[in-house]
Amino acid sequence: MGSDMQLTLFGATGNTGSRTLAQALAAGHQVTAVVRGAHTLSEHPRLRVIVADPMDPAQITAAVDGADAVLDTIGARESGPTSVCTDAALSITKAMTSTDARRLVLISNSAGVAGPGDDWSTRFVVKPLILRRLLRHSLTDMAAAERVVRDSALDWTIVRAPQLTDNRAKGSYRKAVDRNVTFGIRMSREDLATCLLDLAADPASIGKHIHLG
């Protein structure tokens, strides 16, 4: 895979998904965007929009069928208990398993994973004592979604992003495989979108947790 991929994008109208969509089209990829209902996505010759419930595998099977890569950028918007990420992962993996689609890239979060690569303060104070409490509901949901993806037989990559900003792209990003990025505190959604497209075309990232910073 590389240029001119057939991509299916979930969460295309979200903060990260919309940037991923724009970059994918600009790069020449064919994109199928799955949206729940009314939307403001502009028409584009390489864009196909499918209105469907992403939590219902039967409704999204046609959207993932034939995709070179499926990008799951769905995230919870509420601050309380949620299972949005988990439910979406369950539905998407089930739909993909029923087709010939194999490649899945899932957005997750590095805040709940304290370990190698982190500086002392982040590993033993910030993540376990502060972030896990502040973000406990979303982190629990993302951890469950990760398990769903890992338990699938798909060619998955889990992308653990830091705090995301709406700043302009740097045009570069730092990444580490199966370990945190030292001082990887935040990055722009534009750079995250670039990374997602890079990873979708990178077979070396299959079966890996890619940490960004």
N, C-alpha and C. Protein backbone atom coordinates (compact mmCIF):
# COMPACT_ATOMS: atom_id res chain seq x y z
N MET A 1 0.84 -1.20 0.00
CA MET A 1 0.00 0.00 0.00
C MET A 1 0.87 1.25 0.00
N GLY A 2 0.33 2.30 -0.53
CA GLY A 2 1.08 3.55 -0.57
C GLY A 2 0.20 4.63 -1.12
N SER A 3 0.57 5.16 -2.29
CA SER A 3 -0.26 6.18 -2.91
C SER A 3 -1.54 5.57 -3.43
N ASP A 4 -2.57 6.39 -3.50
CA ASP A 4 -3.85 5.97 -4.04
C ASP A 4 -4.43 4.76 -3.31
N MET A 5 -4.49 4.84 -2.00
CA MET A 5 -5.12 3.78 -1.22
C MET A 5 -6.63 3.94 -1.21
N GLN A 6 -7.31 2.84 -1.00
CA GLN A 6 -8.75 2.85 -0.76
C GLN A 6 -8.93 2.85 0.76
N LEU A 7 -9.38 3.96 1.31
CA LEU A 7 -9.48 4.11 2.76
C LEU A 7 -10.94 4.21 3.19
N THR A 8 -11.24 3.63 4.34
CA THR A 8 -12.54 3.85 4.98
C THR A 8 -12.27 4.57 6.28
N LEU A 9 -12.97 5.66 6.49
CA LEU A 9 -12.71 6.52 7.64
C LEU A 9 -13.95 6.63 8.52
N PHE A 10 -13.81 6.26 9.78
CA PHE A 10 -14.86 6.45 10.77
C PHE A 10 -14.50 7.65 11.64
N GLY A 11 -15.50 8.48 11.93
CA GLY A 11 -15.24 9.71 12.69
C GLY A 11 -14.79 10.84 11.78
N ALA A 12 -15.22 10.80 10.53
CA ALA A 12 -14.73 11.75 9.52
C ALA A 12 -15.13 13.19 9.79
N THR A 13 -16.16 13.42 10.60
CA THR A 13 -16.58 14.80 10.88
C THR A 13 -16.02 15.31 12.20
N GLY A 14 -15.23 14.49 12.89
CA GLY A 14 -14.64 14.90 14.17
C GLY A 14 -13.40 15.75 13.98
N ASN A 15 -12.83 16.19 15.08
CA ASN A 15 -11.67 17.09 15.03
C ASN A 15 -10.47 16.46 14.33
N THR A 16 -10.21 15.21 14.66
CA THR A 16 -9.08 14.52 14.01
C THR A 16 -9.50 13.92 12.68
N GLY A 17 -10.69 13.34 12.64
CA GLY A 17 -11.15 12.69 11.42
C GLY A 17 -11.27 13.64 10.25
N SER A 18 -11.73 14.86 10.50
CA SER A 18 -11.88 15.82 9.41
C SER A 18 -10.53 16.21 8.83
N ARG A 19 -9.54 16.30 9.67
CA ARG A 19 -8.19 16.61 9.18
C ARG A 19 -7.60 15.42 8.41
N THR A 20 -7.88 14.24 8.91
CA THR A 20 -7.42 13.04 8.21
C THR A 20 -8.06 12.93 6.84
N LEU A 21 -9.34 13.24 6.78
CA LEU A 21 -10.06 13.20 5.50
C LEU A 21 -9.46 14.18 4.51
N ALA A 22 -9.24 15.40 4.95
CA ALA A 22 -8.69 16.43 4.05
C ALA A 22 -7.32 16.04 3.53
N GLN A 23 -6.47 15.53 4.43
CA GLN A 23 -5.13 15.14 4.00
C GLN A 23 -5.16 13.93 3.07
N ALA A 24 -6.06 13.00 3.34
CA ALA A 24 -6.15 11.80 2.50
C ALA A 24 -6.57 12.15 1.09
N LEU A 25 -7.55 13.03 0.96
CA LEU A 25 -8.00 13.44 -0.37
C LEU A 25 -6.91 14.23 -1.09
N ALA A 26 -6.23 15.10 -0.35
CA ALA A 26 -5.16 15.90 -0.95
C ALA A 26 -4.01 15.02 -1.44
N ALA A 27 -3.84 13.87 -0.76
CA ALA A 27 -2.76 12.96 -1.13
C ALA A 27 -3.15 12.02 -2.28
N GLY A 28 -4.40 12.10 -2.72
CA GLY A 28 -4.83 11.30 -3.85
C GLY A 28 -5.50 9.99 -3.51
N HIS A 29 -5.82 9.79 -2.23
CA HIS A 29 -6.47 8.54 -1.84
C HIS A 29 -7.97 8.58 -2.13
N GLN A 30 -8.55 7.41 -2.30
CA GLN A 30 -9.99 7.27 -2.41
C GLN A 30 -10.52 7.03 -0.99
N VAL A 31 -11.50 7.80 -0.56
CA VAL A 31 -11.97 7.71 0.82
C VAL A 31 -13.47 7.44 0.88
N THR A 32 -13.83 6.46 1.70
CA THR A 32 -15.22 6.24 2.06
C THR A 32 -15.38 6.73 3.48
N ALA A 33 -16.18 7.77 3.68
CA ALA A 33 -16.41 8.35 5.00
C ALA A 33 -17.76 7.88 5.53
N VAL A 34 -17.75 7.32 6.72
CA VAL A 34 -18.99 6.85 7.34
C VAL A 34 -19.47 7.91 8.33
N VAL A 35 -20.68 8.39 8.12
CA VAL A 35 -21.26 9.41 9.01
C VAL A 35 -22.62 8.92 9.49
N ARG A 36 -23.03 9.42 10.65
CA ARG A 36 -24.28 8.96 11.25
C ARG A 36 -25.52 9.50 10.56
N GLY A 37 -25.47 10.74 10.12
CA GLY A 37 -26.67 11.35 9.55
C GLY A 37 -26.31 12.59 8.77
N ALA A 38 -27.05 13.67 8.98
CA ALA A 38 -26.79 14.92 8.27
C ALA A 38 -25.34 15.36 8.49
N HIS A 39 -24.72 15.85 7.44
CA HIS A 39 -23.31 16.22 7.53
C HIS A 39 -23.03 17.41 6.62
N THR A 40 -21.85 17.97 6.78
CA THR A 40 -21.45 19.13 5.98
C THR A 40 -20.23 18.82 5.13
N LEU A 41 -19.96 17.55 4.89
CA LEU A 41 -18.81 17.18 4.07
C LEU A 41 -19.03 17.64 2.64
N SER A 42 -18.03 18.27 2.09
CA SER A 42 -18.13 18.77 0.71
C SER A 42 -17.95 17.63 -0.29
N GLU A 43 -18.61 17.76 -1.42
CA GLU A 43 -18.45 16.75 -2.47
C GLU A 43 -17.03 16.77 -3.01
N HIS A 44 -16.54 15.59 -3.34
CA HIS A 44 -15.19 15.46 -3.89
C HIS A 44 -15.20 14.23 -4.77
N PRO A 45 -14.52 14.28 -5.91
CA PRO A 45 -14.54 13.13 -6.82
C PRO A 45 -13.97 11.84 -6.24
N ARG A 46 -13.14 11.94 -5.20
CA ARG A 46 -12.56 10.74 -4.60
C ARG A 46 -13.18 10.42 -3.24
N LEU A 47 -14.31 11.08 -2.94
CA LEU A 47 -14.97 10.86 -1.66
C LEU A 47 -16.33 10.21 -1.84
N ARG A 48 -16.55 9.13 -1.11
CA ARG A 48 -17.86 8.49 -1.04
C ARG A 48 -18.34 8.59 0.40
N VAL A 49 -19.51 9.15 0.60
CA VAL A 49 -20.07 9.28 1.95
C VAL A 49 -21.18 8.26 2.13
N ILE A 50 -21.07 7.48 3.21
CA ILE A 50 -22.09 6.50 3.54
C ILE A 50 -22.72 6.89 4.88
N VAL A 51 -24.02 7.08 4.87
CA VAL A 51 -24.73 7.39 6.10
C VAL A 51 -25.13 6.07 6.75
N ALA A 52 -24.60 5.81 7.93
CA ALA A 52 -24.85 4.54 8.60
C ALA A 52 -24.52 4.67 10.08
N ASP A 53 -25.04 3.74 10.87
CA ASP A 53 -24.72 3.68 12.29
C ASP A 53 -23.46 2.86 12.46
N PRO A 54 -22.35 3.47 12.86
CA PRO A 54 -21.09 2.72 12.98
C PRO A 54 -21.13 1.64 14.05
N MET A 55 -22.15 1.68 14.91
CA MET A 55 -22.26 0.67 15.96
C MET A 55 -23.01 -0.57 15.49
N ASP A 56 -23.45 -0.57 14.24
CA ASP A 56 -24.18 -1.70 13.67
C ASP A 56 -23.35 -2.31 12.55
N PRO A 57 -22.74 -3.47 12.78
CA PRO A 57 -21.87 -4.07 11.76
C PRO A 57 -22.56 -4.27 10.42
N ALA A 58 -23.83 -4.61 10.45
CA ALA A 58 -24.55 -4.86 9.20
C ALA A 58 -24.64 -3.60 8.34
N GLN A 59 -24.69 -2.42 8.99
CA GLN A 59 -24.81 -1.18 8.25
C GLN A 59 -23.49 -0.70 7.65
N ILE A 60 -22.37 -1.17 8.19
CA ILE A 60 -21.08 -0.65 7.74
C ILE A 60 -20.26 -1.66 6.95
N THR A 61 -20.79 -2.86 6.76
CA THR A 61 -20.04 -3.88 6.02
C THR A 61 -19.67 -3.40 4.63
N ALA A 62 -20.62 -2.80 3.93
CA ALA A 62 -20.34 -2.31 2.58
C ALA A 62 -19.29 -1.21 2.58
N ALA A 63 -19.21 -0.46 3.68
CA ALA A 63 -18.26 0.65 3.76
C ALA A 63 -16.82 0.16 3.90
N VAL A 64 -16.62 -0.96 4.58
CA VAL A 64 -15.26 -1.46 4.80
C VAL A 64 -14.83 -2.47 3.74
N ASP A 65 -15.78 -3.05 3.04
CA ASP A 65 -15.46 -4.08 2.06
C ASP A 65 -14.55 -3.52 0.97
N GLY A 66 -13.42 -4.16 0.76
CA GLY A 66 -12.49 -3.74 -0.28
C GLY A 66 -11.52 -2.66 0.14
N ALA A 67 -11.58 -2.21 1.38
CA ALA A 67 -10.68 -1.14 1.82
C ALA A 67 -9.25 -1.65 2.00
N ASP A 68 -8.29 -0.86 1.55
CA ASP A 68 -6.89 -1.16 1.84
C ASP A 68 -6.58 -0.93 3.30
N ALA A 69 -7.26 0.05 3.89
CA ALA A 69 -7.08 0.33 5.31
C ALA A 69 -8.33 1.01 5.86
N VAL A 70 -8.65 0.68 7.10
CA VAL A 70 -9.77 1.29 7.80
C VAL A 70 -9.21 2.10 8.96
N LEU A 71 -9.61 3.35 9.06
CA LEU A 71 -9.13 4.25 10.12
C LEU A 71 -10.28 4.55 11.08
N ASP A 72 -10.09 4.21 12.34
CA ASP A 72 -11.10 4.45 13.36
C ASP A 72 -10.66 5.63 14.21
N THR A 73 -11.27 6.81 13.95
CA THR A 73 -10.94 8.01 14.71
C THR A 73 -12.09 8.42 15.64
N ILE A 74 -13.01 7.48 15.88
CA ILE A 74 -14.16 7.78 16.73
C ILE A 74 -13.72 7.97 18.18
N GLY A 75 -14.23 9.03 18.80
CA GLY A 75 -13.92 9.29 20.20
C GLY A 75 -15.15 9.75 20.94
N ALA A 76 -15.16 9.54 22.25
CA ALA A 76 -16.29 9.96 23.07
C ALA A 76 -16.25 11.47 23.28
N ARG A 77 -17.41 12.10 23.26
CA ARG A 77 -17.48 13.54 23.48
C ARG A 77 -17.95 13.88 24.89
N GLU A 78 -18.58 12.91 25.56
CA GLU A 78 -19.04 13.17 26.92
C GLU A 78 -17.93 12.86 27.91
N SER A 79 -18.02 13.45 29.11
CA SER A 79 -16.98 13.28 30.11
C SER A 79 -17.29 12.16 31.10
N GLY A 80 -18.53 11.68 31.11
CA GLY A 80 -18.92 10.64 32.04
C GLY A 80 -18.64 9.25 31.50
N PRO A 81 -19.17 8.23 32.16
CA PRO A 81 -18.98 6.85 31.70
C PRO A 81 -19.42 6.69 30.25
N THR A 82 -18.62 5.98 29.48
CA THR A 82 -18.90 5.84 28.06
C THR A 82 -18.35 4.53 27.54
N SER A 83 -18.93 4.03 26.48
CA SER A 83 -18.42 2.84 25.80
C SER A 83 -18.37 3.08 24.29
N VAL A 84 -18.34 4.35 23.89
CA VAL A 84 -18.38 4.70 22.47
C VAL A 84 -17.24 4.07 21.70
N CYS A 85 -16.02 4.20 22.20
CA CYS A 85 -14.86 3.66 21.49
C CYS A 85 -14.91 2.14 21.43
N THR A 86 -15.31 1.53 22.54
CA THR A 86 -15.39 0.07 22.58
C THR A 86 -16.46 -0.45 21.64
N ASP A 87 -17.64 0.16 21.68
CA ASP A 87 -18.73 -0.28 20.82
C ASP A 87 -18.38 -0.13 19.35
N ALA A 88 -17.71 0.97 19.02
CA ALA A 88 -17.31 1.19 17.63
C ALA A 88 -16.28 0.15 17.21
N ALA A 89 -15.32 -0.13 18.07
CA ALA A 89 -14.29 -1.13 17.76
C ALA A 89 -14.91 -2.51 17.56
N LEU A 90 -15.87 -2.87 18.40
CA LEU A 90 -16.54 -4.15 18.26
C LEU A 90 -17.26 -4.25 16.91
N SER A 91 -17.96 -3.19 16.56
CA SER A 91 -18.72 -3.18 15.31
C SER A 91 -17.80 -3.21 14.10
N ILE A 92 -16.77 -2.38 14.11
CA ILE A 92 -15.87 -2.28 12.97
C ILE A 92 -15.09 -3.57 12.76
N THR A 93 -14.57 -4.15 13.83
CA THR A 93 -13.83 -5.40 13.69
C THR A 93 -14.73 -6.52 13.19
N LYS A 94 -15.97 -6.55 13.65
CA LYS A 94 -16.91 -7.57 13.19
C LYS A 94 -17.22 -7.40 11.71
N ALA A 95 -17.46 -6.16 11.30
CA ALA A 95 -17.74 -5.90 9.89
C ALA A 95 -16.55 -6.25 9.01
N MET A 96 -15.35 -5.89 9.45
CA MET A 96 -14.15 -6.18 8.67
C MET A 96 -13.91 -7.68 8.56
N THR A 97 -14.15 -8.40 9.65
CA THR A 97 -13.92 -9.84 9.65
C THR A 97 -14.84 -10.55 8.66
N SER A 98 -15.99 -9.95 8.39
CA SER A 98 -16.93 -10.57 7.45
C SER A 98 -16.61 -10.23 5.99
N THR A 99 -15.57 -9.43 5.78
CA THR A 99 -15.16 -9.05 4.42
C THR A 99 -13.70 -9.40 4.23
N ASP A 100 -13.11 -8.89 3.15
CA ASP A 100 -11.68 -9.13 2.92
C ASP A 100 -10.82 -7.98 3.44
N ALA A 101 -11.41 -7.04 4.15
CA ALA A 101 -10.65 -5.92 4.73
C ALA A 101 -9.82 -6.42 5.90
N ARG A 102 -8.53 -6.08 5.93
CA ARG A 102 -7.65 -6.60 6.97
C ARG A 102 -6.98 -5.51 7.80
N ARG A 103 -6.70 -4.38 7.19
CA ARG A 103 -5.85 -3.36 7.84
C ARG A 103 -6.69 -2.39 8.64
N LEU A 104 -6.41 -2.29 9.94
CA LEU A 104 -7.15 -1.40 10.83
C LEU A 104 -6.19 -0.55 11.65
N VAL A 105 -6.42 0.76 11.66
CA VAL A 105 -5.64 1.69 12.48
C VAL A 105 -6.60 2.35 13.46
N LEU A 106 -6.33 2.19 14.74
CA LEU A 106 -7.19 2.70 15.81
C LEU A 106 -6.50 3.81 16.58
N ILE A 107 -7.19 4.92 16.80
CA ILE A 107 -6.66 5.98 17.65
C ILE A 107 -6.99 5.67 19.11
N SER A 108 -5.97 5.75 19.96
CA SER A 108 -6.15 5.61 21.40
C SER A 108 -5.38 6.75 22.08
N ASN A 109 -5.07 6.56 23.35
CA ASN A 109 -4.46 7.64 24.13
C ASN A 109 -3.32 7.09 24.97
N SER A 110 -2.26 7.85 25.09
CA SER A 110 -1.09 7.40 25.86
C SER A 110 -1.20 7.74 27.34
N ALA A 111 -2.22 8.50 27.73
CA ALA A 111 -2.31 8.96 29.12
C ALA A 111 -2.48 7.82 30.12
N GLY A 112 -3.11 6.74 29.68
CA GLY A 112 -3.36 5.63 30.60
C GLY A 112 -2.26 4.60 30.64
N VAL A 113 -1.19 4.84 29.88
CA VAL A 113 -0.11 3.85 29.80
C VAL A 113 1.18 4.46 30.34
N ALA A 114 1.45 4.21 31.60
CA ALA A 114 2.69 4.69 32.22
C ALA A 114 3.73 3.59 32.15
N GLY A 115 4.91 3.93 31.62
CA GLY A 115 5.91 2.88 31.49
C GLY A 115 7.16 3.35 30.81
N PRO A 116 7.91 2.43 30.22
CA PRO A 116 9.17 2.77 29.55
C PRO A 116 8.99 3.91 28.55
N GLY A 117 9.97 4.81 28.56
CA GLY A 117 9.93 5.97 27.68
C GLY A 117 9.50 7.22 28.41
N ASP A 118 8.65 7.06 29.43
CA ASP A 118 8.22 8.23 30.21
C ASP A 118 9.34 8.72 31.12
N ASP A 119 9.39 10.03 31.32
CA ASP A 119 10.27 10.55 32.35
C ASP A 119 9.68 10.19 33.72
N TRP A 120 10.47 10.32 34.79
CA TRP A 120 10.05 9.86 36.12
C TRP A 120 8.74 10.50 36.55
N SER A 121 8.63 11.82 36.40
CA SER A 121 7.43 12.52 36.85
C SER A 121 6.18 12.05 36.11
N THR A 122 6.29 11.91 34.80
CA THR A 122 5.14 11.46 34.02
C THR A 122 4.75 10.04 34.38
N ARG A 123 5.74 9.18 34.55
CA ARG A 123 5.48 7.75 34.80
C ARG A 123 4.87 7.49 36.18
N PHE A 124 5.34 8.20 37.19
CA PHE A 124 4.93 7.87 38.55
C PHE A 124 4.00 8.89 39.21
N VAL A 125 3.84 10.05 38.58
CA VAL A 125 2.97 11.07 39.18
C VAL A 125 1.86 11.50 38.23
N VAL A 126 2.24 12.08 37.10
CA VAL A 126 1.26 12.70 36.21
C VAL A 126 0.24 11.69 35.69
N LYS A 127 0.70 10.59 35.12
CA LYS A 127 -0.24 9.62 34.54
C LYS A 127 -1.04 8.86 35.59
N PRO A 128 -0.38 8.22 36.58
CA PRO A 128 -1.17 7.41 37.51
C PRO A 128 -1.98 8.20 38.52
N LEU A 129 -1.49 9.35 38.92
CA LEU A 129 -2.16 10.10 40.00
C LEU A 129 -3.05 11.23 39.51
N ILE A 130 -2.79 11.74 38.32
CA ILE A 130 -3.56 12.88 37.82
C ILE A 130 -4.42 12.50 36.61
N LEU A 131 -3.77 12.09 35.53
CA LEU A 131 -4.51 11.85 34.29
C LEU A 131 -5.48 10.68 34.39
N ARG A 132 -5.08 9.61 35.07
CA ARG A 132 -5.98 8.47 35.17
C ARG A 132 -7.24 8.80 35.96
N ARG A 133 -7.13 9.77 36.86
CA ARG A 133 -8.31 10.20 37.61
C ARG A 133 -9.16 11.17 36.79
N LEU A 134 -8.51 12.12 36.16
CA LEU A 134 -9.25 13.11 35.37
C LEU A 134 -9.93 12.49 34.16
N LEU A 135 -9.27 11.54 33.54
CA LEU A 135 -9.75 10.97 32.28
C LEU A 135 -10.19 9.52 32.42
N ARG A 136 -10.56 9.12 33.64
CA ARG A 136 -10.76 7.69 33.91
C ARG A 136 -11.81 7.05 33.01
N HIS A 137 -12.88 7.77 32.71
CA HIS A 137 -13.94 7.17 31.90
C HIS A 137 -13.49 6.95 30.45
N SER A 138 -12.90 7.97 29.85
CA SER A 138 -12.46 7.82 28.46
C SER A 138 -11.30 6.85 28.35
N LEU A 139 -10.40 6.85 29.35
CA LEU A 139 -9.26 5.92 29.30
C LEU A 139 -9.72 4.48 29.46
N THR A 140 -10.71 4.26 30.31
CA THR A 140 -11.27 2.91 30.46
C THR A 140 -11.87 2.43 29.15
N ASP A 141 -12.60 3.33 28.49
CA ASP A 141 -13.22 3.00 27.22
C ASP A 141 -12.17 2.69 26.16
N MET A 142 -11.14 3.52 26.08
CA MET A 142 -10.10 3.30 25.07
C MET A 142 -9.33 2.02 25.33
N ALA A 143 -9.07 1.71 26.60
CA ALA A 143 -8.36 0.47 26.92
C ALA A 143 -9.17 -0.74 26.49
N ALA A 144 -10.48 -0.68 26.68
CA ALA A 144 -11.34 -1.77 26.26
C ALA A 144 -11.37 -1.89 24.74
N ALA A 145 -11.41 -0.74 24.06
CA ALA A 145 -11.38 -0.75 22.59
C ALA A 145 -10.08 -1.37 22.08
N GLU A 146 -8.98 -1.05 22.73
CA GLU A 146 -7.69 -1.65 22.36
C GLU A 146 -7.74 -3.16 22.47
N ARG A 147 -8.33 -3.67 23.56
CA ARG A 147 -8.40 -5.12 23.75
C ARG A 147 -9.21 -5.77 22.64
N VAL A 148 -10.31 -5.11 22.26
CA VAL A 148 -11.14 -5.64 21.16
C VAL A 148 -10.30 -5.78 19.89
N VAL A 149 -9.54 -4.75 19.59
CA VAL A 149 -8.74 -4.75 18.37
C VAL A 149 -7.63 -5.79 18.44
N ARG A 150 -6.95 -5.87 19.58
CA ARG A 150 -5.88 -6.85 19.73
C ARG A 150 -6.40 -8.29 19.64
N ASP A 151 -7.61 -8.49 20.13
CA ASP A 151 -8.19 -9.84 20.12
C ASP A 151 -8.70 -10.25 18.74
N SER A 152 -8.77 -9.32 17.83
CA SER A 152 -9.22 -9.63 16.47
C SER A 152 -8.09 -10.29 15.70
N ALA A 153 -8.42 -10.85 14.56
CA ALA A 153 -7.41 -11.47 13.70
C ALA A 153 -6.98 -10.51 12.59
N LEU A 154 -7.27 -9.23 12.78
CA LEU A 154 -6.97 -8.23 11.76
C LEU A 154 -5.52 -7.77 11.84
N ASP A 155 -5.08 -7.08 10.81
CA ASP A 155 -3.74 -6.47 10.79
C ASP A 155 -3.85 -5.08 11.41
N TRP A 156 -3.77 -5.03 12.72
CA TRP A 156 -4.07 -3.80 13.44
C TRP A 156 -2.82 -3.01 13.81
N THR A 157 -3.04 -1.72 13.97
CA THR A 157 -2.07 -0.83 14.61
C THR A 157 -2.85 0.06 15.56
N ILE A 158 -2.38 0.16 16.80
CA ILE A 158 -3.01 1.02 17.79
C ILE A 158 -2.12 2.24 17.98
N VAL A 159 -2.69 3.42 17.77
CA VAL A 159 -1.94 4.67 17.84
C VAL A 159 -2.28 5.37 19.15
N ARG A 160 -1.32 5.45 20.05
CA ARG A 160 -1.53 6.10 21.34
C ARG A 160 -1.01 7.52 21.29
N ALA A 161 -1.94 8.44 21.16
CA ALA A 161 -1.60 9.85 20.99
C ALA A 161 -1.54 10.56 22.34
N PRO A 162 -0.78 11.65 22.43
CA PRO A 162 -0.76 12.47 23.63
C PRO A 162 -1.90 13.48 23.58
N GLN A 163 -1.82 14.53 24.39
CA GLN A 163 -2.82 15.60 24.33
C GLN A 163 -2.80 16.22 22.94
N LEU A 164 -3.97 16.42 22.37
CA LEU A 164 -4.07 16.94 21.01
C LEU A 164 -4.45 18.42 21.01
N THR A 165 -3.88 19.15 20.08
CA THR A 165 -4.14 20.58 19.98
C THR A 165 -4.63 20.92 18.58
N ASP A 166 -5.17 22.12 18.42
CA ASP A 166 -5.58 22.61 17.12
C ASP A 166 -4.52 23.50 16.49
N ASN A 167 -3.30 23.43 17.00
CA ASN A 167 -2.20 24.22 16.46
C ASN A 167 -1.86 23.81 15.03
N ARG A 168 -1.16 24.67 14.35
CA ARG A 168 -0.73 24.37 12.99
C ARG A 168 0.24 23.20 13.01
N ALA A 169 0.26 22.46 11.93
CA ALA A 169 1.13 21.29 11.83
C ALA A 169 2.61 21.70 11.90
N LYS A 170 3.40 20.88 12.57
CA LYS A 170 4.84 21.06 12.55
C LYS A 170 5.43 20.46 11.28
N GLY A 171 4.70 19.50 10.74
CA GLY A 171 5.22 18.81 9.57
C GLY A 171 6.09 17.62 9.94
N SER A 172 6.12 17.29 11.23
CA SER A 172 6.89 16.15 11.70
C SER A 172 6.30 15.68 13.02
N TYR A 173 6.65 14.48 13.42
CA TYR A 173 6.18 13.96 14.70
C TYR A 173 7.19 12.93 15.20
N ARG A 174 7.17 12.72 16.50
CA ARG A 174 8.01 11.69 17.09
C ARG A 174 7.17 10.46 17.39
N LYS A 175 7.74 9.29 17.21
CA LYS A 175 7.00 8.07 17.51
C LYS A 175 7.94 7.03 18.11
N ALA A 176 7.35 6.12 18.86
CA ALA A 176 8.09 5.00 19.44
C ALA A 176 7.20 3.77 19.37
N VAL A 177 7.80 2.62 19.21
CA VAL A 177 7.06 1.37 19.08
C VAL A 177 6.99 0.67 20.43
N ASP A 178 5.77 0.44 20.89
CA ASP A 178 5.51 -0.30 22.14
C ASP A 178 6.19 0.33 23.36
N ARG A 179 6.37 1.62 23.34
CA ARG A 179 6.88 2.35 24.49
C ARG A 179 6.52 3.82 24.30
N ASN A 180 6.50 4.57 25.40
CA ASN A 180 6.13 5.98 25.33
C ASN A 180 7.25 6.83 24.75
N VAL A 181 6.85 7.98 24.24
CA VAL A 181 7.81 8.97 23.73
C VAL A 181 8.18 9.90 24.88
N THR A 182 9.45 9.98 25.20
CA THR A 182 9.90 10.83 26.31
C THR A 182 9.50 12.28 26.08
N PHE A 183 8.83 12.85 27.07
CA PHE A 183 8.31 14.21 26.99
C PHE A 183 7.35 14.39 25.81
N GLY A 184 6.69 13.31 25.44
CA GLY A 184 5.69 13.39 24.37
C GLY A 184 4.36 13.86 24.94
N ILE A 185 4.28 15.12 25.25
CA ILE A 185 3.14 15.67 26.00
C ILE A 185 1.97 16.02 25.10
N ARG A 186 2.25 16.62 23.96
CA ARG A 186 1.15 17.03 23.08
C ARG A 186 1.61 17.10 21.63
N MET A 187 0.62 17.07 20.73
CA MET A 187 0.90 17.22 19.31
C MET A 187 -0.35 17.77 18.64
N SER A 188 -0.19 18.29 17.45
CA SER A 188 -1.34 18.85 16.74
C SER A 188 -2.14 17.73 16.06
N ARG A 189 -3.42 17.97 15.90
CA ARG A 189 -4.27 17.00 15.20
C ARG A 189 -3.85 16.87 13.74
N GLU A 190 -3.33 17.94 13.17
CA GLU A 190 -2.85 17.88 11.80
C GLU A 190 -1.71 16.88 11.67
N ASP A 191 -0.76 16.92 12.61
CA ASP A 191 0.35 15.99 12.57
C ASP A 191 -0.11 14.57 12.88
N LEU A 192 -1.09 14.43 13.75
CA LEU A 192 -1.65 13.11 14.02
C LEU A 192 -2.28 12.53 12.76
N ALA A 193 -3.02 13.35 12.04
CA ALA A 193 -3.64 12.89 10.79
C ALA A 193 -2.58 12.41 9.80
N THR A 194 -1.50 13.15 9.69
CA THR A 194 -0.39 12.74 8.81
C THR A 194 0.14 11.39 9.22
N CYS A 195 0.32 11.22 10.53
CA CYS A 195 0.84 9.96 11.06
C CYS A 195 -0.09 8.80 10.76
N LEU A 196 -1.39 9.00 10.92
CA LEU A 196 -2.35 7.94 10.67
C LEU A 196 -2.26 7.44 9.23
N LEU A 197 -2.14 8.37 8.29
CA LEU A 197 -2.02 7.98 6.90
C LEU A 197 -0.69 7.29 6.61
N ASP A 198 0.36 7.76 7.25
CA ASP A 198 1.67 7.10 7.10
C ASP A 198 1.60 5.66 7.61
N LEU A 199 0.99 5.47 8.78
CA LEU A 199 0.93 4.14 9.38
C LEU A 199 0.04 3.20 8.59
N ALA A 200 -1.02 3.73 8.01
CA ALA A 200 -1.93 2.89 7.22
C ALA A 200 -1.18 2.21 6.08
N ALA A 201 -0.14 2.85 5.58
CA ALA A 201 0.64 2.32 4.46
C ALA A 201 1.92 1.63 4.91
N ASP A 202 2.10 1.46 6.22
CA ASP A 202 3.35 0.92 6.76
C ASP A 202 3.14 -0.46 7.36
N PRO A 203 3.46 -1.53 6.64
CA PRO A 203 3.25 -2.88 7.17
C PRO A 203 4.09 -3.19 8.40
N ALA A 204 5.19 -2.44 8.61
CA ALA A 204 6.03 -2.68 9.77
C ALA A 204 5.32 -2.32 11.08
N SER A 205 4.24 -1.54 11.00
CA SER A 205 3.52 -1.13 12.21
C SER A 205 2.40 -2.09 12.59
N ILE A 206 2.20 -3.13 11.78
CA ILE A 206 1.13 -4.09 12.07
C ILE A 206 1.42 -4.85 13.37
N GLY A 207 0.41 -4.94 14.22
CA GLY A 207 0.56 -5.62 15.50
C GLY A 207 1.36 -4.83 16.52
N LYS A 208 1.48 -3.51 16.31
CA LYS A 208 2.29 -2.67 17.20
C LYS A 208 1.43 -1.58 17.84
N HIS A 209 1.88 -1.12 19.00
CA HIS A 209 1.34 0.07 19.63
C HIS A 209 2.30 1.20 19.31
N ILE A 210 1.85 2.17 18.57
CA ILE A 210 2.69 3.29 18.18
C ILE A 210 2.37 4.49 19.07
N HIS A 211 3.35 4.89 19.87
CA HIS A 211 3.19 6.03 20.77
C HIS A 211 3.73 7.27 20.09
N LEU A 212 3.00 8.37 20.23
CA LEU A 212 3.39 9.60 19.55
C LEU A 212 3.69 10.71 20.55
N GLY A 213 4.42 11.71 20.08
CA GLY A 213 4.73 12.83 20.93
C GLY A 213 5.25 14.01 20.12
